[in-house]
């Protein structure tokens, strides 16, 4: 499963991220917000960029959101961006 995820991530990056933009890809298992913070801290990142997602108030109250938990707990600057469209599968 991890190999398939890595393959899909590489394909997405090749299609959507210009070559001149330096970026790194990493796949982990665990709580999304915690693994994002752990990897960003260990890798020495100076900025975390995350998309926002439309969620109902009930979803936010019961589940929280990954972006808000990262923002609340991060010692690193976090930029949350609004997606400009939906990706087709």
PDB file of N, CA and C in Angstrom:
ATOM      1  N   UNK A   1       0.823  -1.182   0.000  1.00  0.00           N
ATOM      2  CA  UNK A   1       0.000   0.000   0.000  1.00  0.00           C
ATOM      3  C   UNK A   1       0.875   1.256   0.000  1.00  0.00           C
ATOM      4  N   UNK A   2       1.953   1.255   0.767  1.00  0.00           N
ATOM      5  CA  UNK A   2       2.839   2.421   0.813  1.00  0.00           C
ATOM      6  C   UNK A   2       3.495   2.663  -0.543  1.00  0.00           C
ATOM      7  N   UNK A   3       3.868   1.583  -1.248  1.00  0.00           N
ATOM      8  CA  UNK A   3       4.498   1.741  -2.558  1.00  0.00           C
ATOM      9  C   UNK A   3       3.528   2.355  -3.555  1.00  0.00           C
ATOM     10  N   UNK A   4       2.276   1.939  -3.513  1.00  0.00           N
ATOM     11  CA  UNK A   4       1.270   2.507  -4.408  1.00  0.00           C
ATOM     12  C   UNK A   4       1.043   3.980  -4.092  1.00  0.00           C
ATOM     13  N   UNK A   5       0.985   4.319  -2.821  1.00  0.00           N
ATOM     14  CA  UNK A   5       0.827   5.723  -2.426  1.00  0.00           C
ATOM     15  C   UNK A   5       2.010   6.551  -2.914  1.00  0.00           C
ATOM     16  N   UNK A   6       3.225   6.024  -2.776  1.00  0.00           N
ATOM     17  CA  UNK A   6       4.423   6.730  -3.242  1.00  0.00           C
ATOM     18  C   UNK A   6       4.369   6.934  -4.753  1.00  0.00           C
ATOM     19  N   UNK A   7       3.944   5.916  -5.475  1.00  0.00           N
ATOM     20  CA  UNK A   7       3.828   6.011  -6.932  1.00  0.00           C
ATOM     21  C   UNK A   7       2.823   7.101  -7.319  1.00  0.00           C
ATOM     22  N   UNK A   8       1.663   7.113  -6.669  1.00  0.00           N
ATOM     23  CA  UNK A   8       0.641   8.115  -6.964  1.00  0.00           C
ATOM     24  C   UNK A   8       1.127   9.519  -6.620  1.00  0.00           C
ATOM     25  N   UNK A   9       1.837   9.663  -5.514  1.00  0.00           N
ATOM     26  CA  UNK A   9       2.355  10.966  -5.112  1.00  0.00           C
ATOM     27  C   UNK A   9       3.371  11.483  -6.122  1.00  0.00           C
ATOM     28  N   UNK A  10       4.272  10.623  -6.573  1.00  0.00           N
ATOM     29  CA  UNK A  10       5.268  11.030  -7.569  1.00  0.00           C
ATOM     30  C   UNK A  10       4.599  11.451  -8.871  1.00  0.00           C
ATOM     31  N   UNK A  11       3.583  10.712  -9.298  1.00  0.00           N
ATOM     32  CA  UNK A  11       2.863  11.050 -10.526  1.00  0.00           C
ATOM     33  C   UNK A  11       2.152  12.394 -10.385  1.00  0.00           C
ATOM     34  N   UNK A  12       1.525  12.617  -9.238  1.00  0.00           N
ATOM     35  CA  UNK A  12       0.844  13.894  -8.989  1.00  0.00           C
ATOM     36  C   UNK A  12       1.842  15.046  -9.019  1.00  0.00           C
ATOM     37  N   UNK A  13       2.962  14.886  -8.330  1.00  0.00           N
ATOM     38  CA  UNK A  13       3.975  15.942  -8.274  1.00  0.00           C
ATOM     39  C   UNK A  13       4.534  16.238  -9.658  1.00  0.00           C
ATOM     40  N   UNK A  14       4.801  15.206 -10.437  1.00  0.00           N
ATOM     41  CA  UNK A  14       5.343  15.403 -11.781  1.00  0.00           C
ATOM     42  C   UNK A  14       4.381  16.191 -12.658  1.00  0.00           C
ATOM     43  N   UNK A  15       3.091  15.983 -12.455  1.00  0.00           N
ATOM     44  CA  UNK A  15       2.085  16.665 -13.269  1.00  0.00           C
ATOM     45  C   UNK A  15       1.780  18.081 -12.785  1.00  0.00           C
ATOM     46  N   UNK A  16       1.850  18.321 -11.485  1.00  0.00           N
ATOM     47  CA  UNK A  16       1.349  19.580 -10.934  1.00  0.00           C
ATOM     48  C   UNK A  16       2.395  20.524 -10.354  1.00  0.00           C
ATOM     49  N   UNK A  17       3.617  20.073 -10.139  1.00  0.00           N
ATOM     50  CA  UNK A  17       4.633  20.934  -9.525  1.00  0.00           C
ATOM     51  C   UNK A  17       5.732  21.200 -10.546  1.00  0.00           C
ATOM     52  N   UNK A  18       5.935  22.473 -10.913  1.00  0.00           N
ATOM     53  CA  UNK A  18       6.982  22.794 -11.894  1.00  0.00           C
ATOM     54  C   UNK A  18       8.361  22.348 -11.410  1.00  0.00           C
ATOM     55  N   UNK A  19       9.219  21.990 -12.360  1.00  0.00           N
ATOM     56  CA  UNK A  19      10.556  21.490 -12.038  1.00  0.00           C
ATOM     57  C   UNK A  19      11.381  22.473 -11.222  1.00  0.00           C
ATOM     58  N   UNK A  20      11.171  23.776 -11.423  1.00  0.00           N
ATOM     59  CA  UNK A  20      11.996  24.761 -10.724  1.00  0.00           C
ATOM     60  C   UNK A  20      11.607  24.950  -9.253  1.00  0.00           C
ATOM     61  N   UNK A  21      10.521  24.357  -8.827  1.00  0.00           N
ATOM     62  CA  UNK A  21      10.108  24.452  -7.424  1.00  0.00           C
ATOM     63  C   UNK A  21      10.702  23.272  -6.655  1.00  0.00           C
ATOM     64  N   UNK A  22      11.534  23.594  -5.672  1.00  0.00           N
ATOM     65  CA  UNK A  22      12.138  22.550  -4.846  1.00  0.00           C
ATOM     66  C   UNK A  22      11.074  22.013  -3.892  1.00  0.00           C
ATOM     67  N   UNK A  23      10.901  20.726  -3.888  1.00  0.00           N
ATOM     68  CA  UNK A  23       9.911  20.105  -3.004  1.00  0.00           C
ATOM     69  C   UNK A  23      10.392  18.712  -2.621  1.00  0.00           C
ATOM     70  N   UNK A  24       9.840  18.222  -1.544  1.00  0.00           N
ATOM     71  CA  UNK A  24      10.186  16.892  -1.054  1.00  0.00           C
ATOM     72  C   UNK A  24       8.899  16.136  -0.781  1.00  0.00           C
ATOM     73  N   UNK A  25       8.935  14.858  -1.003  1.00  0.00           N
ATOM     74  CA  UNK A  25       7.771  14.014  -0.780  1.00  0.00           C
ATOM     75  C   UNK A  25       8.090  13.001   0.309  1.00  0.00           C
ATOM     76  N   UNK A  26       7.116  12.788   1.174  1.00  0.00           N
ATOM     77  CA  UNK A  26       7.309  11.836   2.267  1.00  0.00           C
ATOM     78  C   UNK A  26       5.957  11.234   2.619  1.00  0.00           C
ATOM     79  N   UNK A  27       5.916   9.937   2.776  1.00  0.00           N
ATOM     80  CA  UNK A  27       4.680   9.252   3.158  1.00  0.00           C
ATOM     81  C   UNK A  27       4.904   8.567   4.498  1.00  0.00           C
ATOM     82  N   UNK A  28       3.956   8.759   5.413  1.00  0.00           N
ATOM     83  CA  UNK A  28       4.033   8.160   6.751  1.00  0.00           C
ATOM     84  C   UNK A  28       2.676   7.604   7.136  1.00  0.00           C
ATOM     85  N   UNK A  29       2.682   6.753   8.135  1.00  0.00           N
ATOM     86  CA  UNK A  29       1.442   6.260   8.714  1.00  0.00           C
ATOM     87  C   UNK A  29       1.289   6.860  10.100  1.00  0.00           C
ATOM     88  N   UNK A  30       0.049   7.109  10.511  1.00  0.00           N
ATOM     89  CA  UNK A  30      -0.219   7.650  11.834  1.00  0.00           C
ATOM     90  C   UNK A  30      -1.256   8.748  11.765  1.00  0.00           C
ATOM     91  N   UNK A  31      -1.415   9.463  12.860  1.00  0.00           N
ATOM     92  CA  UNK A  31      -2.334  10.596  12.880  1.00  0.00           C
ATOM     93  C   UNK A  31      -1.770  11.656  11.945  1.00  0.00           C
ATOM     94  N   UNK A  32      -2.548  12.107  10.964  1.00  0.00           N
ATOM     95  CA  UNK A  32      -2.011  13.035   9.967  1.00  0.00           C
ATOM     96  C   UNK A  32      -1.351  14.274  10.563  1.00  0.00           C
ATOM     97  N   UNK A  33      -2.009  14.952  11.493  1.00  0.00           N
ATOM     98  CA  UNK A  33      -1.444  16.199  12.009  1.00  0.00           C
ATOM     99  C   UNK A  33      -0.146  15.936  12.774  1.00  0.00           C
ATOM    100  N   UNK A  34      -0.100  14.831  13.519  1.00  0.00           N
ATOM    101  CA  UNK A  34       1.095  14.520  14.307  1.00  0.00           C
ATOM    102  C   UNK A  34       2.262  14.113  13.412  1.00  0.00           C
ATOM    103  N   UNK A  35       1.987  13.327  12.372  1.00  0.00           N
ATOM    104  CA  UNK A  35       3.073  12.920  11.481  1.00  0.00           C
ATOM    105  C   UNK A  35       3.580  14.091  10.659  1.00  0.00           C
ATOM    106  N   UNK A  36       2.697  15.012  10.290  1.00  0.00           N
ATOM    107  CA  UNK A  36       3.134  16.218   9.573  1.00  0.00           C
ATOM    108  C   UNK A  36       4.086  17.020  10.451  1.00  0.00           C
ATOM    109  N   UNK A  37       3.695  17.256  11.691  1.00  0.00           N
ATOM    110  CA  UNK A  37       4.550  18.033  12.597  1.00  0.00           C
ATOM    111  C   UNK A  37       5.863  17.318  12.887  1.00  0.00           C
ATOM    112  N   UNK A  38       5.811  16.017  13.098  1.00  0.00           N
ATOM    113  CA  UNK A  38       7.024  15.254  13.384  1.00  0.00           C
ATOM    114  C   UNK A  38       7.997  15.330  12.215  1.00  0.00           C
ATOM    115  N   UNK A  39       7.502  15.091  11.021  1.00  0.00           N
ATOM    116  CA  UNK A  39       8.395  15.113   9.859  1.00  0.00           C
ATOM    117  C   UNK A  39       8.937  16.518   9.595  1.00  0.00           C
ATOM    118  N   UNK A  40       8.087  17.527   9.699  1.00  0.00           N
ATOM    119  CA  UNK A  40       8.544  18.900   9.457  1.00  0.00           C
ATOM    120  C   UNK A  40       9.618  19.309  10.456  1.00  0.00           C
ATOM    121  N   UNK A  41       9.445  18.935  11.701  1.00  0.00           N
ATOM    122  CA  UNK A  41      10.426  19.266  12.736  1.00  0.00           C
ATOM    123  C   UNK A  41      11.739  18.522  12.502  1.00  0.00           C
ATOM    124  N   UNK A  42      11.655  17.212  12.245  1.00  0.00           N
ATOM    125  CA  UNK A  42      12.870  16.413  12.034  1.00  0.00           C
ATOM    126  C   UNK A  42      13.631  16.825  10.776  1.00  0.00           C
ATOM    127  N   UNK A  43      12.912  17.278   9.753  1.00  0.00           N
ATOM    128  CA  UNK A  43      13.578  17.627   8.496  1.00  0.00           C
ATOM    129  C   UNK A  43      14.101  19.059   8.475  1.00  0.00           C
ATOM    130  N   UNK A  44      13.783  19.838   9.515  1.00  0.00           N
ATOM    131  CA  UNK A  44      14.254  21.220   9.566  1.00  0.00           C
ATOM    132  C   UNK A  44      13.464  22.161   8.670  1.00  0.00           C
ATOM    133  N   UNK A  45      12.224  21.804   8.361  1.00  0.00           N
ATOM    134  CA  UNK A  45      11.390  22.655   7.505  1.00  0.00           C
ATOM    135  C   UNK A  45      11.191  24.019   8.149  1.00  0.00           C
ATOM    136  N   UNK A  46      11.090  25.050   7.312  1.00  0.00           N
ATOM    137  CA  UNK A  46      10.819  26.383   7.842  1.00  0.00           C
ATOM    138  C   UNK A  46       9.405  26.850   7.507  1.00  0.00           C
ATOM    139  N   UNK A  47       8.656  26.034   6.777  1.00  0.00           N
ATOM    140  CA  UNK A  47       7.280  26.367   6.435  1.00  0.00           C
ATOM    141  C   UNK A  47       6.523  25.087   6.110  1.00  0.00           C
ATOM    142  N   UNK A  48       5.302  24.995   6.622  1.00  0.00           N
ATOM    143  CA  UNK A  48       4.395  23.894   6.287  1.00  0.00           C
ATOM    144  C   UNK A  48       3.253  24.507   5.491  1.00  0.00           C
ATOM    145  N   UNK A  49       2.964  23.957   4.319  1.00  0.00           N
ATOM    146  CA  UNK A  49       1.863  24.446   3.493  1.00  0.00           C
ATOM    147  C   UNK A  49       0.815  23.345   3.417  1.00  0.00           C
ATOM    148  N   UNK A  50      -0.419  23.695   3.782  1.00  0.00           N
ATOM    149  CA  UNK A  50      -1.521  22.731   3.799  1.00  0.00           C
ATOM    150  C   UNK A  50      -2.731  23.311   3.093  1.00  0.00           C
ATOM    151  N   UNK A  51      -3.532  22.454   2.456  1.00  0.00           N
ATOM    152  CA  UNK A  51      -4.795  22.942   1.889  1.00  0.00           C
ATOM    153  C   UNK A  51      -5.867  22.994   2.964  1.00  0.00           C
ATOM    154  N   UNK A  52      -6.820  23.897   2.773  1.00  0.00           N
ATOM    155  CA  UNK A  52      -8.000  23.887   3.636  1.00  0.00           C
ATOM    156  C   UNK A  52      -9.062  23.052   2.925  1.00  0.00           C
ATOM    157  N   UNK A  53      -9.995  22.555   3.670  1.00  0.00           N
ATOM    158  CA  UNK A  53     -11.086  21.774   3.094  1.00  0.00           C
ATOM    159  C   UNK A  53     -12.375  22.265   3.707  1.00  0.00           C
ATOM    160  N   UNK A  54     -13.432  22.303   2.902  1.00  0.00           N
ATOM    161  CA  UNK A  54     -14.734  22.660   3.449  1.00  0.00           C
ATOM    162  C   UNK A  54     -15.219  21.502   4.303  1.00  0.00           C
ATOM    163  N   UNK A  55     -15.567  21.820   5.528  1.00  0.00           N
ATOM    164  CA  UNK A  55     -16.075  20.799   6.446  1.00  0.00           C
ATOM    165  C   UNK A  55     -17.281  21.373   7.172  1.00  0.00           C
ATOM    166  N   UNK A  56     -18.203  20.511   7.529  1.00  0.00           N
ATOM    167  CA  UNK A  56     -19.369  20.966   8.276  1.00  0.00           C
ATOM    168  C   UNK A  56     -18.953  21.313   9.701  1.00  0.00           C
ATOM    169  N   UNK A  57     -19.774  22.086  10.371  1.00  0.00           N
ATOM    170  CA  UNK A  57     -19.484  22.433  11.769  1.00  0.00           C
ATOM    171  C   UNK A  57     -19.429  21.181  12.637  1.00  0.00           C
ATOM    172  N   UNK A  58     -20.294  20.222  12.344  1.00  0.00           N
ATOM    173  CA  UNK A  58     -20.309  18.982  13.120  1.00  0.00           C
ATOM    174  C   UNK A  58     -19.004  18.218  12.928  1.00  0.00           C
ATOM    175  N   UNK A  59     -18.519  18.129  11.686  1.00  0.00           N
ATOM    176  CA  UNK A  59     -17.236  17.460  11.435  1.00  0.00           C
ATOM    177  C   UNK A  59     -16.124  18.124  12.225  1.00  0.00           C
ATOM    178  N   UNK A  60     -16.083  19.447  12.206  1.00  0.00           N
ATOM    179  CA  UNK A  60     -15.029  20.170  12.920  1.00  0.00           C
ATOM    180  C   UNK A  60     -15.127  19.939  14.423  1.00  0.00           C
ATOM    181  N   UNK A  61     -16.351  19.936  14.949  1.00  0.00           N
ATOM    182  CA  UNK A  61     -16.536  19.768  16.389  1.00  0.00           C
ATOM    183  C   UNK A  61     -16.160  18.363  16.840  1.00  0.00           C
ATOM    184  N   UNK A  62     -16.508  17.365  16.044  1.00  0.00           N
ATOM    185  CA  UNK A  62     -16.272  15.983  16.454  1.00  0.00           C
ATOM    186  C   UNK A  62     -14.877  15.486  16.093  1.00  0.00           C
ATOM    187  N   UNK A  63     -14.406  15.848  14.927  1.00  0.00           N
ATOM    188  CA  UNK A  63     -13.164  15.279  14.430  1.00  0.00           C
ATOM    189  C   UNK A  63     -11.995  16.254  14.461  1.00  0.00           C
ATOM    190  N   UNK A  64     -12.286  17.530  14.445  1.00  0.00           N
ATOM    191  CA  UNK A  64     -11.226  18.509  14.298  1.00  0.00           C
ATOM    192  C   UNK A  64     -10.746  18.491  12.862  1.00  0.00           C
ATOM    193  N   UNK A  65      -9.862  19.379  12.514  1.00  0.00           N
ATOM    194  CA  UNK A  65      -9.314  19.351  11.170  1.00  0.00           C
ATOM    195  C   UNK A  65      -7.808  19.238  11.263  1.00  0.00           C
ATOM    196  N   UNK A  66      -7.229  18.569  10.291  1.00  0.00           N
ATOM    197  CA  UNK A  66      -5.778  18.395  10.270  1.00  0.00           C
ATOM    198  C   UNK A  66      -5.096  19.756  10.249  1.00  0.00           C
ATOM    199  N   UNK A  67      -5.553  20.638   9.366  1.00  0.00           N
ATOM    200  CA  UNK A  67      -4.910  21.951   9.258  1.00  0.00           C
ATOM    201  C   UNK A  67      -4.981  22.717  10.570  1.00  0.00           C
ATOM    202  N   UNK A  68      -6.128  22.719  11.230  1.00  0.00           N
ATOM    203  CA  UNK A  68      -6.233  23.493  12.471  1.00  0.00           C
ATOM    204  C   UNK A  68      -5.373  22.890  13.577  1.00  0.00           C
ATOM    205  N   UNK A  69      -5.259  21.568  13.632  1.00  0.00           N
ATOM    206  CA  UNK A  69      -4.399  20.949  14.650  1.00  0.00           C
ATOM    207  C   UNK A  69      -2.930  21.227  14.370  1.00  0.00           C
ATOM    208  N   UNK A  70      -2.551  21.229  13.094  1.00  0.00           N
ATOM    209  CA  UNK A  70      -1.167  21.567  12.755  1.00  0.00           C
ATOM    210  C   UNK A  70      -0.886  23.010  13.151  1.00  0.00           C
ATOM    211  N   UNK A  71      -1.779  23.935  12.789  1.00  0.00           N
ATOM    212  CA  UNK A  71      -1.592  25.351  13.129  1.00  0.00           C
ATOM    213  C   UNK A  71      -1.488  25.532  14.639  1.00  0.00           C
ATOM    214  N   UNK A  72      -2.367  24.902  15.393  1.00  0.00           N
ATOM    215  CA  UNK A  72      -2.385  25.061  16.852  1.00  0.00           C
ATOM    216  C   UNK A  72      -1.138  24.511  17.532  1.00  0.00           C
ATOM    217  N   UNK A  73      -0.549  23.465  16.976  1.00  0.00           N
ATOM    218  CA  UNK A  73       0.542  22.767  17.657  1.00  0.00           C
ATOM    219  C   UNK A  73       1.916  22.950  17.037  1.00  0.00           C
ATOM    220  N   UNK A  74       2.009  23.676  15.946  1.00  0.00           N
ATOM    221  CA  UNK A  74       3.275  23.759  15.219  1.00  0.00           C
ATOM    222  C   UNK A  74       4.214  24.836  15.751  1.00  0.00           C
ATOM    223  N   UNK A  75       5.490  24.476  15.935  1.00  0.00           N
ATOM    224  CA  UNK A  75       6.499  25.482  16.252  1.00  0.00           C
ATOM    225  C   UNK A  75       7.022  26.143  14.972  1.00  0.00           C
ATOM    226  N   UNK A  76       6.545  25.662  13.823  1.00  0.00           N
ATOM    227  CA  UNK A  76       6.975  26.131  12.506  1.00  0.00           C
ATOM    228  C   UNK A  76       5.826  26.928  11.891  1.00  0.00           C
ATOM    229  N   UNK A  77       6.147  27.941  11.083  1.00  0.00           N
ATOM    230  CA  UNK A  77       5.105  28.692  10.388  1.00  0.00           C
ATOM    231  C   UNK A  77       4.290  27.763   9.497  1.00  0.00           C
ATOM    232  N   UNK A  78       2.965  28.009   9.459  1.00  0.00           N
ATOM    233  CA  UNK A  78       2.056  27.197   8.659  1.00  0.00           C
ATOM    234  C   UNK A  78       1.265  28.124   7.748  1.00  0.00           C
ATOM    235  N   UNK A  79       1.201  27.766   6.471  1.00  0.00           N
ATOM    236  CA  UNK A  79       0.407  28.500   5.490  1.00  0.00           C
ATOM    237  C   UNK A  79      -0.719  27.581   5.051  1.00  0.00           C
ATOM    238  N   UNK A  80      -1.969  27.997   5.278  1.00  0.00           N
ATOM    239  CA  UNK A  80      -3.127  27.212   4.870  1.00  0.00           C
ATOM    240  C   UNK A  80      -3.726  27.901   3.657  1.00  0.00           C
ATOM    241  N   UNK A  81      -3.848  27.150   2.554  1.00  0.00           N
ATOM    242  CA  UNK A  81      -4.347  27.733   1.313  1.00  0.00           C
ATOM    243  C   UNK A  81      -5.688  27.125   0.936  1.00  0.00           C
ATOM    244  N   UNK A  82      -6.486  27.925   0.265  1.00  0.00           N
ATOM    245  CA  UNK A  82      -7.778  27.462  -0.215  1.00  0.00           C
ATOM    246  C   UNK A  82      -7.567  26.775  -1.565  1.00  0.00           C
ATOM    247  N   UNK A  83      -8.021  25.528  -1.707  1.00  0.00           N
ATOM    248  CA  UNK A  83      -7.875  24.846  -2.996  1.00  0.00           C
ATOM    249  C   UNK A  83      -8.640  25.595  -4.081  1.00  0.00           C
ATOM    250  N   UNK A  84      -8.094  25.606  -5.293  1.00  0.00           N
ATOM    251  CA  UNK A  84      -8.731  26.337  -6.383  1.00  0.00           C
ATOM    252  C   UNK A  84      -9.630  25.465  -7.236  1.00  0.00           C
ATOM    253  N   UNK A  85      -9.697  24.207  -6.956  1.00  0.00           N
ATOM    254  CA  UNK A  85     -10.545  23.304  -7.719  1.00  0.00           C
ATOM    255  C   UNK A  85     -10.432  21.910  -7.164  1.00  0.00           C
ATOM    256  N   UNK A  86     -11.214  21.030  -7.699  1.00  0.00           N
ATOM    257  CA  UNK A  86     -11.184  19.642  -7.243  1.00  0.00           C
ATOM    258  C   UNK A  86     -10.373  18.815  -8.219  1.00  0.00           C
ATOM    259  N   UNK A  87      -9.585  17.893  -7.703  1.00  0.00           N
ATOM    260  CA  UNK A  87      -8.804  16.997  -8.544  1.00  0.00           C
ATOM    261  C   UNK A  87      -9.680  15.831  -8.956  1.00  0.00           C
ATOM    262  N   UNK A  88      -9.590  15.449 -10.198  1.00  0.00           N
ATOM    263  CA  UNK A  88     -10.337  14.265 -10.614  1.00  0.00           C
ATOM    264  C   UNK A  88      -9.531  13.029 -10.255  1.00  0.00           C
ATOM    265  N   UNK A  89     -10.215  11.955  -9.972  1.00  0.00           N
ATOM    266  CA  UNK A  89      -9.522  10.728  -9.553  1.00  0.00           C
ATOM    267  C   UNK A  89      -9.079   9.934 -10.744  1.00  0.00           C
TER     268      UNK A  89
END
